[in-house]
Amino acid sequence: MTFLKALAATASAVVLGASLTACAGSPAGGDPGTGGKVIVGIKFDQPGLGLKEGDGYTGFDVEVAKYVAKDLGYTEVEFKETPSAQRETLLASDQVKMIFATYSITDDRKKKVSFAGPYFQAGQDLLVAAANTDITGPETLNGKKLCSVAGSTSAKKIKDTIANQVQLQEYDTYSKCVDALASGSIDAVTTDNVILAGFAAQSQYAGKLKVVGKTFSTERYGVGIKMGDTKLCTAINTSLAKMVSDGSWQKALDATVGKSGFTPDTAVNPPKPDACA
């Protein structure tokens, strides 16, 4: 091989290598407007929000994710299960491009990831039997049995700061808490109001359970993205604003958690996205 041929072959290899590297650089999806597939993180076990049913996915988070992905020009959406403890790792390692999974925006999380949104504001609330008239808020829980998941601070917060005579019951999943509530073995379940509404909207609980409707915390659900990706943040915020203005946000909420009779606090919903930083 002549020197010139060898040089040309080397140059071609460098170009090909750079091209392959560029393609492999964003396994979860390219920039907005570039099309192709995007991998989106959601919960698989939250009815009304993010639930895997057979080969399909349902819930408000799912509907918002699909709207945003389509508006950003992606032609295919692949959903990946994103448990709370793994969210930051999945973003940092490019296993997901965006996360829509009741992901509350906090200062601590902002040290590891960036957020677009918020697209919903929730608050801690109580789920009780539909016929219950005794429990009207956390201050009425003394002497009652309250359920939440093991490791959650929501039930302990009530006992420590509001109703010190409440009896705490813990299970490993919210679905077990809700089953216990439906059977009458506990009096109330606590976590974010929209999560509770999702359970109440399930067909097996229709007309049997209700959200009390007295929130006592602020949970702003954002779209988790890789740290510092302001281009993606800006594009998502534009899509979220469009979803609100064209009525799709309200339509998605009504079709999912709205089935339980739940209505969000209109003083803070739909929220305006924060500035991207």
Foldseek 3Di string as FASTA:
>chain_A
DDPVVVVVVVVVVVVVVVVVCVVPVQPQDDFQPPAEEHEEEEACPQFQCWHDDPPDIAHLLVLLVVLLCVLSHYPYYHYDYDDPVCNLVCQQVNVHAKYRYLAFDDPVVLVRWFWADLQDKWFKFKKFWLPDDQDQGLLSQAVFEEEDAPPDCFVVCSCVPHHVRHHYDYDHDVVVVVVCRLVPVGGIYIDIQLSSLSVCLDPVNPNTMDISPDGDGIGGGTMTGGRPPLSRSVSSLVSSVVCVVVVVSVVSSCVTSVSSVDDDDPVCPSHRIDHGD
